[in-house]
PDB file of N, CA and C in Angstrom:
ATOM      1  N   MET A   1     101.129 118.007  80.726  1.00  0.00           N
ATOM      2  CA  MET A   1     101.558 117.144  81.803  1.00  0.00           C
ATOM      3  C   MET A   1     100.454 116.114  82.068  1.00  0.00           C
ATOM      4  N   ALA A   2     100.858 114.933  82.407  1.00  0.00           N
ATOM      5  CA  ALA A   2      99.890 113.872  82.667  1.00  0.00           C
ATOM      6  C   ALA A   2      99.088 114.182  83.919  1.00  0.00           C
ATOM      7  N   SER A   3      97.796 113.889  83.870  1.00  0.00           N
ATOM      8  CA  SER A   3      96.927 114.199  85.003  1.00  0.00           C
ATOM      9  C   SER A   3      97.293 113.393  86.245  1.00  0.00           C
ATOM     10  N   TRP A   4      97.807 112.181  86.109  1.00  0.00           N
ATOM     11  CA  TRP A   4      98.167 111.384  87.280  1.00  0.00           C
ATOM     12  C   TRP A   4      99.268 112.067  88.053  1.00  0.00           C
ATOM     13  N   PHE A   5     100.171 112.767  87.354  1.00  0.00           N
ATOM     14  CA  PHE A   5     101.276 113.378  88.066  1.00  0.00           C
ATOM     15  C   PHE A   5     100.815 114.614  88.811  1.00  0.00           C
ATOM     16  N   ALA A   6      99.864 115.321  88.240  1.00  0.00           N
ATOM     17  CA  ALA A   6      99.326 116.487  88.931  1.00  0.00           C
ATOM     18  C   ALA A   6      98.738 116.062  90.275  1.00  0.00           C
ATOM     19  N   ARG A   7      98.110 114.903  90.322  1.00  0.00           N
ATOM     20  CA  ARG A   7      97.551 114.400  91.582  1.00  0.00           C
ATOM     21  C   ARG A   7      98.658 114.086  92.575  1.00  0.00           C
ATOM     22  N   SER A   8      99.812 113.661  92.057  1.00  0.00           N
ATOM     23  CA  SER A   8     100.858 113.198  92.955  1.00  0.00           C
ATOM     24  C   SER A   8     101.480 114.313  93.771  1.00  0.00           C
ATOM     25  N   THR A   9     101.288 115.556  93.398  1.00  0.00           N
ATOM     26  CA  THR A   9     101.851 116.659  94.166  1.00  0.00           C
ATOM     27  C   THR A   9     100.924 117.067  95.303  1.00  0.00           C
ATOM     28  N   ASP A  10      99.744 116.502  95.364  1.00  0.00           N
ATOM     29  CA  ASP A  10      98.786 116.817  96.403  1.00  0.00           C
ATOM     30  C   ASP A  10      99.046 115.908  97.601  1.00  0.00           C
ATOM     31  N   ALA A  11      99.451 116.514  98.719  1.00  0.00           N
ATOM     32  CA  ALA A  11      99.809 115.728  99.900  1.00  0.00           C
ATOM     33  C   ALA A  11      98.630 114.950 100.461  1.00  0.00           C
ATOM     34  N   SER A  12      97.415 115.342 100.115  1.00  0.00           N
ATOM     35  CA  SER A  12      96.244 114.637 100.647  1.00  0.00           C
ATOM     36  C   SER A  12      96.007 113.303  99.954  1.00  0.00           C
ATOM     37  N   HIS A  13      96.679 113.070  98.848  1.00  0.00           N
ATOM     38  CA  HIS A  13      96.523 111.797  98.133  1.00  0.00           C
ATOM     39  C   HIS A  13      97.636 110.850  98.553  1.00  0.00           C
ATOM     40  N   GLU A  14      97.268 109.724  99.117  1.00  0.00           N
ATOM     41  CA  GLU A  14      98.289 108.754  99.495  1.00  0.00           C
ATOM     42  C   GLU A  14      98.885 108.076  98.265  1.00  0.00           C
ATOM     43  N   THR A  15      98.262 108.239  97.120  1.00  0.00           N
ATOM     44  CA  THR A  15      98.768 107.611  95.906  1.00  0.00           C
ATOM     45  C   THR A  15      99.822 108.472  95.217  1.00  0.00           C
ATOM     46  N   GLY A  16     100.188 109.575  95.808  1.00  0.00           N
ATOM     47  CA  GLY A  16     101.067 110.535  95.167  1.00  0.00           C
ATOM     48  C   GLY A  16     102.483 110.081  94.945  1.00  0.00           C
ATOM     49  N   ARG A  17     103.007 109.264  95.795  1.00  0.00           N
ATOM     50  CA  ARG A  17     104.408 108.871  95.685  1.00  0.00           C
ATOM     51  C   ARG A  17     104.520 107.410  95.292  1.00  0.00           C
ATOM     52  N   LEU A  18     105.643 107.102  94.664  1.00  0.00           N
ATOM     53  CA  LEU A  18     105.901 105.713  94.290  1.00  0.00           C
ATOM     54  C   LEU A  18     106.858 105.097  95.296  1.00  0.00           C
ATOM     55  N   GLY A  19     106.538 103.887  95.710  1.00  0.00           N
ATOM     56  CA  GLY A  19     107.404 103.165  96.628  1.00  0.00           C
ATOM     57  C   GLY A  19     108.518 102.458  95.877  1.00  0.00           C
ATOM     58  N   PRO A  20     109.470 101.878  96.608  1.00  0.00           N
ATOM     59  CA  PRO A  20     110.613 101.206  95.975  1.00  0.00           C
ATOM     60  C   PRO A  20     110.211 100.083  95.015  1.00  0.00           C
ATOM     61  N   LEU A  21     109.241  99.270  95.398  1.00  0.00           N
ATOM     62  CA  LEU A  21     108.806  98.185  94.519  1.00  0.00           C
ATOM     63  C   LEU A  21     108.117  98.750  93.284  1.00  0.00           C
ATOM     64  N   GLU A  22     107.326  99.797  93.456  1.00  0.00           N
ATOM     65  CA  GLU A  22     106.671 100.422  92.306  1.00  0.00           C
ATOM     66  C   GLU A  22     107.707 100.950  91.320  1.00  0.00           C
ATOM     67  N   TRP A  23     108.773 101.566  91.832  1.00  0.00           N
ATOM     68  CA  TRP A  23     109.841 102.043  90.944  1.00  0.00           C
ATOM     69  C   TRP A  23     110.491 100.880  90.198  1.00  0.00           C
ATOM     70  N   ARG A  24     110.759  99.783  90.919  1.00  0.00           N
ATOM     71  CA  ARG A  24     111.373  98.612  90.273  1.00  0.00           C
ATOM     72  C   ARG A  24     110.487  98.049  89.170  1.00  0.00           C
ATOM     73  N   VAL A  25     109.195  97.979  89.429  1.00  0.00           N
ATOM     74  CA  VAL A  25     108.245  97.474  88.436  1.00  0.00           C
ATOM     75  C   VAL A  25     108.218  98.405  87.225  1.00  0.00           C
ATOM     76  N   LEU A  26     108.190  99.688  87.483  1.00  0.00           N
ATOM     77  CA  LEU A  26     108.186 100.659  86.386  1.00  0.00           C
ATOM     78  C   LEU A  26     109.459 100.534  85.555  1.00  0.00           C
ATOM     79  N   GLU A  27     110.593 100.382  86.203  1.00  0.00           N
ATOM     80  CA  GLU A  27     111.867 100.191  85.489  1.00  0.00           C
ATOM     81  C   GLU A  27     111.818  98.911  84.637  1.00  0.00           C
ATOM     82  N   ALA A  28     111.266  97.847  85.199  1.00  0.00           N
ATOM     83  CA  ALA A  28     111.169  96.585  84.448  1.00  0.00           C
ATOM     84  C   ALA A  28     110.285  96.757  83.215  1.00  0.00           C
ATOM     85  N   LEU A  29     109.211  97.511  83.347  1.00  0.00           N
ATOM     86  CA  LEU A  29     108.329  97.747  82.197  1.00  0.00           C
ATOM     87  C   LEU A  29     109.003  98.635  81.154  1.00  0.00           C
ATOM     88  N   TRP A  30     109.752  99.642  81.590  1.00  0.00           N
ATOM     89  CA  TRP A  30     110.471 100.497  80.635  1.00  0.00           C
ATOM     90  C   TRP A  30     111.518  99.719  79.852  1.00  0.00           C
ATOM     91  N   SER A  31     112.067  98.661  80.448  1.00  0.00           N
ATOM     92  CA  SER A  31     113.107  97.892  79.768  1.00  0.00           C
ATOM     93  C   SER A  31     112.535  96.965  78.694  1.00  0.00           C
ATOM     94  N   ARG A  32     111.230  96.842  78.636  1.00  0.00           N
ATOM     95  CA  ARG A  32     110.574  95.976  77.649  1.00  0.00           C
ATOM     96  C   ARG A  32     110.067  96.785  76.464  1.00  0.00           C
ATOM     97  N   THR A  33     109.924  96.120  75.345  1.00  0.00           N
ATOM     98  CA  THR A  33     109.388  96.795  74.156  1.00  0.00           C
ATOM     99  C   THR A  33     107.918  96.452  73.919  1.00  0.00           C
ATOM    100  N   THR A  34     107.392  95.516  74.709  1.00  0.00           N
ATOM    101  CA  THR A  34     105.998  95.103  74.534  1.00  0.00           C
ATOM    102  C   THR A  34     105.259  95.190  75.864  1.00  0.00           C
ATOM    103  N   LEU A  35     103.950  95.099  75.796  1.00  0.00           N
ATOM    104  CA  LEU A  35     103.124  95.026  76.993  1.00  0.00           C
ATOM    105  C   LEU A  35     103.516  93.782  77.783  1.00  0.00           C
ATOM    106  N   ALA A  36     103.316  93.831  79.106  1.00  0.00           N
ATOM    107  CA  ALA A  36     103.718  92.693  79.933  1.00  0.00           C
ATOM    108  C   ALA A  36     102.629  92.351  80.943  1.00  0.00           C
ATOM    109  N   SER A  37     102.471  91.054  81.165  1.00  0.00           N
ATOM    110  CA  SER A  37     101.542  90.567  82.180  1.00  0.00           C
ATOM    111  C   SER A  37     102.318  90.340  83.478  1.00  0.00           C
ATOM    112  N   VAL A  38     101.590  90.038  84.533  1.00  0.00           N
ATOM    113  CA  VAL A  38     102.242  89.706  85.798  1.00  0.00           C
ATOM    114  C   VAL A  38     103.164  88.518  85.586  1.00  0.00           C
ATOM    115  N   ARG A  39     102.679  87.519  84.862  1.00  0.00           N
ATOM    116  CA  ARG A  39     103.478  86.318  84.604  1.00  0.00           C
ATOM    117  C   ARG A  39     104.753  86.651  83.814  1.00  0.00           C
ATOM    118  N   ASP A  40     104.672  87.601  82.881  1.00  0.00           N
ATOM    119  CA  ASP A  40     105.854  88.009  82.116  1.00  0.00           C
ATOM    120  C   ASP A  40     106.904  88.656  83.017  1.00  0.00           C
ATOM    121  N   LEU A  41     106.445  89.412  84.003  1.00  0.00           N
ATOM    122  CA  LEU A  41     107.353  90.148  84.885  1.00  0.00           C
ATOM    123  C   LEU A  41     107.884  89.310  86.044  1.00  0.00           C
ATOM    124  N   GLN A  42     107.197  88.238  86.383  1.00  0.00           N
ATOM    125  CA  GLN A  42     107.550  87.430  87.552  1.00  0.00           C
ATOM    126  C   GLN A  42     109.024  87.002  87.574  1.00  0.00           C
ATOM    127  N   PRO A  43     109.639  86.579  86.471  1.00  0.00           N
ATOM    128  CA  PRO A  43     111.051  86.190  86.523  1.00  0.00           C
ATOM    129  C   PRO A  43     111.988  87.335  86.958  1.00  0.00           C
ATOM    130  N   ASP A  44     111.592  88.577  86.740  1.00  0.00           N
ATOM    131  CA  ASP A  44     112.400  89.720  87.165  1.00  0.00           C
ATOM    132  C   ASP A  44     112.285  89.976  88.665  1.00  0.00           C
ATOM    133  N   PHE A  45     111.324  89.320  89.318  1.00  0.00           N
ATOM    134  CA  PHE A  45     111.048  89.545  90.738  1.00  0.00           C
ATOM    135  C   PHE A  45     110.895  88.210  91.472  1.00  0.00           C
ATOM    136  N   PRO A  46     111.929  87.381  91.475  1.00  0.00           N
ATOM    137  CA  PRO A  46     111.788  86.050  92.083  1.00  0.00           C
ATOM    138  C   PRO A  46     111.515  86.088  93.589  1.00  0.00           C
ATOM    139  N   GLU A  47     111.902  87.176  94.242  1.00  0.00           N
ATOM    140  CA  GLU A  47     111.702  87.282  95.692  1.00  0.00           C
ATOM    141  C   GLU A  47     110.321  87.834  96.056  1.00  0.00           C
ATOM    142  N   ILE A  48     109.537  88.213  95.054  1.00  0.00           N
ATOM    143  CA  ILE A  48     108.224  88.819  95.280  1.00  0.00           C
ATOM    144  C   ILE A  48     107.135  87.816  94.907  1.00  0.00           C
ATOM    145  N   ALA A  49     106.147  87.691  95.766  1.00  0.00           N
ATOM    146  CA  ALA A  49     105.016  86.799  95.477  1.00  0.00           C
ATOM    147  C   ALA A  49     104.247  87.308  94.253  1.00  0.00           C
ATOM    148  N   TYR A  50     103.704  86.393  93.508  1.00  0.00           N
ATOM    149  CA  TYR A  50     102.918  86.723  92.312  1.00  0.00           C
ATOM    150  C   TYR A  50     101.816  87.722  92.662  1.00  0.00           C
ATOM    151  N   THR A  51     101.112  87.480  93.758  1.00  0.00           N
ATOM    152  CA  THR A  51      99.998  88.359  94.130  1.00  0.00           C
ATOM    153  C   THR A  51     100.485  89.757  94.529  1.00  0.00           C
ATOM    154  N   THR A  52     101.671  89.846  95.114  1.00  0.00           N
ATOM    155  CA  THR A  52     102.238  91.153  95.466  1.00  0.00           C
ATOM    156  C   THR A  52     102.564  91.935  94.204  1.00  0.00           C
ATOM    157  N   LEU A  53     103.135  91.255  93.226  1.00  0.00           N
ATOM    158  CA  LEU A  53     103.441  91.894  91.948  1.00  0.00           C
ATOM    159  C   LEU A  53     102.154  92.334  91.249  1.00  0.00           C
ATOM    160  N   MET A  54     101.138  91.488  91.298  1.00  0.00           N
ATOM    161  CA  MET A  54      99.851  91.816  90.690  1.00  0.00           C
ATOM    162  C   MET A  54      99.240  93.057  91.373  1.00  0.00           C
ATOM    163  N   THR A  55      99.295  93.110  92.679  1.00  0.00           N
ATOM    164  CA  THR A  55      98.770  94.257  93.427  1.00  0.00           C
ATOM    165  C   THR A  55      99.556  95.526  93.094  1.00  0.00           C
ATOM    166  N   THR A  56     100.856  95.405  92.968  1.00  0.00           N
ATOM    167  CA  THR A  56     101.696  96.566  92.651  1.00  0.00           C
ATOM    168  C   THR A  56     101.359  97.110  91.271  1.00  0.00           C
ATOM    169  N   LEU A  57     101.186  96.235  90.296  1.00  0.00           N
ATOM    170  CA  LEU A  57     100.800  96.673  88.956  1.00  0.00           C
ATOM    171  C   LEU A  57      99.431  97.347  88.979  1.00  0.00           C
ATOM    172  N   ASP A  58      98.499  96.781  89.740  1.00  0.00           N
ATOM    173  CA  ASP A  58      97.170  97.376  89.837  1.00  0.00           C
ATOM    174  C   ASP A  58      97.237  98.760  90.485  1.00  0.00           C
ATOM    175  N   ARG A  59      98.060  98.906  91.513  1.00  0.00           N
ATOM    176  CA  ARG A  59      98.213 100.218  92.163  1.00  0.00           C
ATOM    177  C   ARG A  59      98.787 101.244  91.188  1.00  0.00           C
ATOM    178  N   LEU A  60      99.796 100.844  90.426  1.00  0.00           N
ATOM    179  CA  LEU A  60     100.373 101.763  89.445  1.00  0.00           C
ATOM    180  C   LEU A  60      99.345 102.135  88.386  1.00  0.00           C
ATOM    181  N   TYR A  61      98.499 101.188  88.018  1.00  0.00           N
ATOM    182  CA  TYR A  61      97.421 101.477  87.074  1.00  0.00           C
ATOM    183  C   TYR A  61      96.437 102.479  87.680  1.00  0.00           C
ATOM    184  N   ARG A  62      96.024 102.247  88.931  1.00  0.00           N
ATOM    185  CA  ARG A  62      95.069 103.147  89.586  1.00  0.00           C
ATOM    186  C   ARG A  62      95.661 104.538  89.808  1.00  0.00           C
ATOM    187  N   LYS A  63      96.967 104.624  89.961  1.00  0.00           N
ATOM    188  CA  LYS A  63      97.623 105.925  90.093  1.00  0.00           C
ATOM    189  C   LYS A  63      97.741 106.639  88.751  1.00  0.00           C
ATOM    190  N   GLY A  64      97.452 105.907  87.664  1.00  0.00           N
ATOM    191  CA  GLY A  64      97.521 106.507  86.339  1.00  0.00           C
ATOM    192  C   GLY A  64      98.887 106.410  85.700  1.00  0.00           C
ATOM    193  N   VAL A  65      99.803 105.667  86.299  1.00  0.00           N
ATOM    194  CA  VAL A  65     101.160 105.537  85.785  1.00  0.00           C
ATOM    195  C   VAL A  65     101.211 104.528  84.634  1.00  0.00           C
ATOM    196  N   LEU A  66     100.341 103.527  84.682  1.00  0.00           N
ATOM    197  CA  LEU A  66     100.323 102.466  83.669  1.00  0.00           C
ATOM    198  C   LEU A  66      99.018 102.454  82.894  1.00  0.00           C
ATOM    199  N   ARG A  67      99.115 101.941  81.677  1.00  0.00           N
ATOM    200  CA  ARG A  67      97.935 101.574  80.881  1.00  0.00           C
ATOM    201  C   ARG A  67      97.792 100.065  81.039  1.00  0.00           C
ATOM    202  N   ARG A  68      96.589  99.582  80.864  1.00  0.00           N
ATOM    203  CA  ARG A  68      96.424  98.133  80.841  1.00  0.00           C
ATOM    204  C   ARG A  68      95.312  97.773  79.887  1.00  0.00           C
ATOM    205  N   GLU A  69      95.442  96.568  79.351  1.00  0.00           N
ATOM    206  CA  GLU A  69      94.391  96.042  78.483  1.00  0.00           C
ATOM    207  C   GLU A  69      94.205  94.573  78.816  1.00  0.00           C
ATOM    208  N   LYS A  70      92.989  94.134  78.647  1.00  0.00           N
ATOM    209  CA  LYS A  70      92.629  92.754  78.961  1.00  0.00           C
ATOM    210  C   LYS A  70      93.072  91.840  77.825  1.00  0.00           C
ATOM    211  N   SER A  71      93.677  90.724  78.199  1.00  0.00           N
ATOM    212  CA  SER A  71      94.074  89.703  77.240  1.00  0.00           C
ATOM    213  C   SER A  71      93.714  88.353  77.847  1.00  0.00           C
ATOM    214  N   GLY A  72      92.571  87.817  77.440  1.00  0.00           N
ATOM    215  CA  GLY A  72      92.076  86.595  78.068  1.00  0.00           C
ATOM    216  C   GLY A  72      91.679  86.901  79.496  1.00  0.00           C
ATOM    217  N   ARG A  73      92.255  86.153  80.442  1.00  0.00           N
ATOM    218  CA  ARG A  73      91.958  86.394  81.851  1.00  0.00           C
ATOM    219  C   ARG A  73      92.961  87.334  82.513  1.00  0.00           C
ATOM    220  N   ALA A  74      93.999  87.711  81.782  1.00  0.00           N
ATOM    221  CA  ALA A  74      95.072  88.532  82.358  1.00  0.00           C
ATOM    222  C   ALA A  74      95.016  89.964  81.835  1.00  0.00           C
ATOM    223  N   PHE A  75      95.677  90.837  82.543  1.00  0.00           N
ATOM    224  CA  PHE A  75      95.881  92.200  82.071  1.00  0.00           C
ATOM    225  C   PHE A  75      97.311  92.325  81.576  1.00  0.00           C
ATOM    226  N   LEU A  76      97.472  93.119  80.530  1.00  0.00           N
ATOM    227  CA  LEU A  76      98.801  93.463  80.023  1.00  0.00           C
ATOM    228  C   LEU A  76      99.045  94.927  80.355  1.00  0.00           C
ATOM    229  N   TYR A  77     100.242  95.227  80.848  1.00  0.00           N
ATOM    230  CA  TYR A  77     100.566  96.566  81.327  1.00  0.00           C
ATOM    231  C   TYR A  77     101.666  97.214  80.504  1.00  0.00           C
ATOM    232  N   GLN A  78     101.611  98.549  80.479  1.00  0.00           N
ATOM    233  CA  GLN A  78     102.612  99.349  79.774  1.00  0.00           C
ATOM    234  C   GLN A  78     102.642 100.732  80.430  1.00  0.00           C
ATOM    235  N   PRO A  79     103.823 101.329  80.601  1.00  0.00           N
ATOM    236  CA  PRO A  79     103.870 102.685  81.168  1.00  0.00           C
ATOM    237  C   PRO A  79     103.161 103.683  80.248  1.00  0.00           C
ATOM    238  N   ARG A  80     102.474 104.651  80.833  1.00  0.00           N
ATOM    239  CA  ARG A  80     101.815 105.700  80.055  1.00  0.00           C
ATOM    240  C   ARG A  80     102.834 106.628  79.416  1.00  0.00           C
ATOM    241  N   LEU A  81     103.954 106.842  80.100  1.00  0.00           N
ATOM    242  CA  LEU A  81     104.988 107.742  79.606  1.00  0.00           C
ATOM    243  C   LEU A  81     106.308 107.001  79.480  1.00  0.00           C
ATOM    244  N   SER A  82     107.143 107.456  78.572  1.00  0.00           N
ATOM    245  CA  SER A  82     108.505 106.935  78.495  1.00  0.00           C
ATOM    246  C   SER A  82     109.252 107.380  79.750  1.00  0.00           C
ATOM    247  N   ARG A  83     110.421 106.818  79.987  1.00  0.00           N
ATOM    248  CA  ARG A  83     111.216 107.233  81.142  1.00  0.00           C
ATOM    249  C   ARG A  83     111.507 108.730  81.075  1.00  0.00           C
ATOM    250  N   ALA A  84     111.883 109.225  79.890  1.00  0.00           N
ATOM    251  CA  ALA A  84     112.183 110.652  79.720  1.00  0.00           C
ATOM    252  C   ALA A  84     110.935 111.506  79.955  1.00  0.00           C
ATOM    253  N   GLY A  85     109.802 111.064  79.453  1.00  0.00           N
ATOM    254  CA  GLY A  85     108.556 111.790  79.657  1.00  0.00           C
ATOM    255  C   GLY A  85     108.153 111.819  81.115  1.00  0.00           C
ATOM    256  N   PHE A  86     108.374 110.709  81.794  1.00  0.00           N
ATOM    257  CA  PHE A  86     108.052 110.616  83.212  1.00  0.00           C
ATOM    258  C   PHE A  86     108.915 111.582  84.018  1.00  0.00           C
ATOM    259  N   GLU A  87     110.228 111.588  83.753  1.00  0.00           N
ATOM    260  CA  GLU A  87     111.140 112.474  84.472  1.00  0.00           C
ATOM    261  C   GLU A  87     110.817 113.936  84.173  1.00  0.00           C
ATOM    262  N   SER A  88     110.453 114.230  82.948  1.00  0.00           N
ATOM    263  CA  SER A  88     110.077 115.592  82.578  1.00  0.00           C
ATOM    264  C   SER A  88     108.826 116.026  83.337  1.00  0.00           C
ATOM    265  N   ALA A  89     107.845 115.142  83.424  1.00  0.00           N
ATOM    266  CA  ALA A  89     106.616 115.461  84.150  1.00  0.00           C
ATOM    267  C   ALA A  89     106.905 115.678  85.630  1.00  0.00           C
ATOM    268  N   ARG A  90     107.798 114.873  86.209  1.00  0.00           N
ATOM    269  CA  ARG A  90     108.165 115.049  87.622  1.00  0.00           C
ATOM    270  C   ARG A  90     108.849 116.388  87.841  1.00  0.00           C
ATOM    271  N   ALA A  91     109.769 116.735  86.952  1.00  0.00           N
ATOM    272  CA  ALA A  91     110.482 118.010  87.091  1.00  0.00           C
ATOM    273  C   ALA A  91     109.522 119.186  86.933  1.00  0.00           C
ATOM    274  N   THR A  92     108.636 119.096  85.965  1.00  0.00           N
ATOM    275  CA  THR A  92     107.651 120.156  85.741  1.00  0.00           C
ATOM    276  C   THR A  92     106.765 120.343  86.970  1.00  0.00           C
ATOM    277  N   ALA A  93     106.306 119.244  87.529  1.00  0.00           N
ATOM    278  CA  ALA A  93     105.440 119.323  88.708  1.00  0.00           C
ATOM    279  C   ALA A  93     106.194 119.896  89.904  1.00  0.00           C
ATOM    280  N   ALA A  94     107.458 119.521  90.063  1.00  0.00           N
ATOM    281  CA  ALA A  94     108.245 120.044  91.189  1.00  0.00           C
ATOM    282  C   ALA A  94     108.431 121.555  91.061  1.00  0.00           C
ATOM    283  N   VAL A  95     108.758 122.026  89.866  1.00  0.00           N
ATOM    284  CA  VAL A  95     108.936 123.466  89.656  1.00  0.00           C
ATOM    285  C   VAL A  95     107.604 124.190  89.840  1.00  0.00           C
ATOM    286  N   ARG A  96     106.535 123.622  89.288  1.00  0.00           N
ATOM    287  CA  ARG A  96     105.214 124.245  89.434  1.00  0.00           C
ATOM    288  C   ARG A  96     104.833 124.355  90.914  1.00  0.00           C
ATOM    289  N   THR A  97     105.058 123.313  91.678  1.00  0.00           N
ATOM    290  CA  THR A  97     104.753 123.337  93.106  1.00  0.00           C
ATOM    291  C   THR A  97     105.570 124.413  93.813  1.00  0.00           C
ATOM    292  N   ALA A  98     106.850 124.498  93.468  1.00  0.00           N
ATOM    293  CA  ALA A  98     107.714 125.505  94.093  1.00  0.00           C
ATOM    294  C   ALA A  98     107.251 126.911  93.744  1.00  0.00           C
ATOM    295  N   LEU A  99     106.855 127.130  92.503  1.00  0.00           N
ATOM    296  CA  LEU A  99     106.441 128.462  92.071  1.00  0.00           C
ATOM    297  C   LEU A  99     105.071 128.861  92.599  1.00  0.00           C
ATOM    298  N   GLU A 100     104.261 127.899  93.006  1.00  0.00           N
ATOM    299  CA  GLU A 100     102.950 128.201  93.563  1.00  0.00           C
ATOM    300  C   GLU A 100     103.024 128.597  95.034  1.00  0.00           C
ATOM    301  N   GLY A 101     104.213 128.534  95.625  1.00  0.00           N
ATOM    302  CA  GLY A 101     104.391 128.902  97.032  1.00  0.00           C
ATOM    303  C   GLY A 101     104.286 130.405  97.220  1.00  0.00           C
ATOM    304  N   ASP A 102     104.506 130.835  98.440  1.00  0.00           N
ATOM    305  CA  ASP A 102     104.453 132.271  98.709  1.00  0.00           C
ATOM    306  C   ASP A 102     105.648 132.972  98.066  1.00  0.00           C
ATOM    307  N   GLY A 103     105.611 134.283  98.017  1.00  0.00           N
ATOM    308  CA  GLY A 103     106.654 135.073  97.372  1.00  0.00           C
ATOM    309  C   GLY A 103     108.034 134.817  97.943  1.00  0.00           C
ATOM    310  N   GLU A 104     108.118 134.633  99.258  1.00  0.00           N
ATOM    311  CA  GLU A 104     109.417 134.388  99.885  1.00  0.00           C
ATOM    312  C   GLU A 104     110.013 133.070  99.407  1.00  0.00           C
ATOM    313  N   SER A 105     109.182 132.032  99.316  1.00  0.00           N
ATOM    314  CA  SER A 105     109.657 130.729  98.851  1.00  0.00           C
ATOM    315  C   SER A 105     110.151 130.803  97.420  1.00  0.00           C
ATOM    316  N   VAL A 106     109.417 131.521  96.578  1.00  0.00           N
ATOM    317  CA  VAL A 106     109.812 131.656  95.175  1.00  0.00           C
ATOM    318  C   VAL A 106     111.131 132.420  95.088  1.00  0.00           C
ATOM    319  N   GLY A 107     111.263 133.467  95.896  1.00  0.00           N
ATOM    320  CA  GLY A 107     112.513 134.229  95.908  1.00  0.00           C
ATOM    321  C   GLY A 107     113.702 133.377  96.311  1.00  0.00           C
ATOM    322  N   LEU A 108     113.506 132.549  97.334  1.00  0.00           N
ATOM    323  CA  LEU A 108     114.574 131.649  97.774  1.00  0.00           C
ATOM    324  C   LEU A 108     114.930 130.639  96.686  1.00  0.00           C
ATOM    325  N   LEU A 109     113.914 130.096  96.022  1.00  0.00           N
ATOM    326  CA  LEU A 109     114.152 129.141  94.949  1.00  0.00           C
ATOM    327  C   LEU A 109     114.949 129.785  93.823  1.00  0.00           C
ATOM    328  N   LEU A 110     114.508 130.957  93.383  1.00  0.00           N
ATOM    329  CA  LEU A 110     115.208 131.639  92.291  1.00  0.00           C
ATOM    330  C   LEU A 110     116.630 132.009  92.695  1.00  0.00           C
ATOM    331  N   SER A 111     116.804 132.445  93.935  1.00  0.00           N
ATOM    332  CA  SER A 111     118.147 132.761  94.437  1.00  0.00           C
ATOM    333  C   SER A 111     119.040 131.532  94.385  1.00  0.00           C
ATOM    334  N   PHE A 112     118.500 130.384  94.811  1.00  0.00           N
ATOM    335  CA  PHE A 112     119.260 129.135  94.777  1.00  0.00           C
ATOM    336  C   PHE A 112     119.636 128.751  93.350  1.00  0.00           C
ATOM    337  N   LEU A 113     118.671 128.891  92.430  1.00  0.00           N
ATOM    338  CA  LEU A 113     118.931 128.529  91.035  1.00  0.00           C
ATOM    339  C   LEU A 113     120.005 129.418  90.428  1.00  0.00           C
ATOM    340  N   VAL A 114     119.943 130.724  90.685  1.00  0.00           N
ATOM    341  CA  VAL A 114     120.942 131.652  90.167  1.00  0.00           C
ATOM    342  C   VAL A 114     122.316 131.306  90.725  1.00  0.00           C
ATOM    343  N   GLN A 115     122.366 131.009  92.017  1.00  0.00           N
ATOM    344  CA  GLN A 115     123.643 130.645  92.650  1.00  0.00           C
ATOM    345  C   GLN A 115     124.180 129.344  92.077  1.00  0.00           C
ATOM    346  N   ALA A 116     123.321 128.398  91.846  1.00  0.00           N
ATOM    347  CA  ALA A 116     123.742 127.110  91.305  1.00  0.00           C
ATOM    348  C   ALA A 116     124.284 127.231  89.887  1.00  0.00           C
ATOM    349  N   VAL A 117     123.704 128.096  89.104  1.00  0.00           N
ATOM    350  CA  VAL A 117     124.127 128.278  87.708  1.00  0.00           C
ATOM    351  C   VAL A 117     125.436 129.048  87.625  1.00  0.00           C
ATOM    352  N   SER A 118     125.636 129.996  88.533  1.00  0.00           N
ATOM    353  CA  SER A 118     126.854 130.819  88.449  1.00  0.00           C
ATOM    354  C   SER A 118     128.053 130.178  89.082  1.00  0.00           C
TER     355      SER A 118
END
């Protein structure tokens, strides 16, 4: 599992969750086959200021969700995980968090899962 996602389950980290704009940016990057700069992504976000988009990409990078590399004066961004890999990591972290709870919580979770399957 990616280390950035492990951090996201810790409630003490404000970087743990993705906001609506962060999700939109991540979706826009997943739809591309190449690395993208802020300028490349700007047409997908006409209602968002260039600097807001730049800040959002930087936040996703600092959260460990994106890779970036320098190209001239700009950074090029790419998701660290594919959409499927990202969803798998989220599901794994959610189950791990649930299983790390007390015995009663785990029992309730397993009871719910058994009921849902049957």
